[in-house]
């Protein structure tokens, strides 16, 4: 299995607009204390969930507010998204979120085996150009990493609005026997569950008329 030194980067730019003085303060003062530390994971929670690439944080924050007894580890390389989540954490005094501003695969490698109860990868960068598709995050290597850290019976949720990406995802799952697709009918992957809130990327797909695919797998 390739290590992080040989993996292609699965995301684009790291920064957008220059942060304001208040935002810079969040990055300097609050991010260090809220950064996930595998040597000192959150304690006192009944479960631990992982979101890979939380974007603007809509889903991560919804889950944190609706599940205060669950610890959430959120990974996102884009600084603007991390700032949005930091703002919400400090404004609402959320206690159950830890962050990683960087490649989620580094975090997954640091997590003890069989310690994650649910994981989310929602609308990852599709890398639509053929020459860039090798950069897509969801592949057999990532699934192997996730299978190692997820408990038996844990759920993995993946969303995409790119049909070709959905196909290659399912091809990767087909050769990873430790995940079982939870789909008995088309409605199981066409209709978003009620506890799966919409992200801004999904909202954009709705506005532009693209189909969405909601894939759910259980760790066998």
Foldseek 3Di string as FASTA:
>chain_A
DDDPVPADALDDDQEDDDDDPVLVCLVVPVQVVQAADQVDHDPQAPAEEEEEACDLVPLVVLCLVVRVRYAYEYEHQHSNSVSNVSVVCVVVVRDRYHYHNDHCLVVLVSHAFQRHQEYEYEAGDCLPDPVRNSSHDQALVVVVSVLRRHHAFHKYKYKHLDPVVVVRNVVRVVPVVQKDKDDPDPCVFQPDDPSRDDDVVVVVCVVVVTGMTIIMIGGD
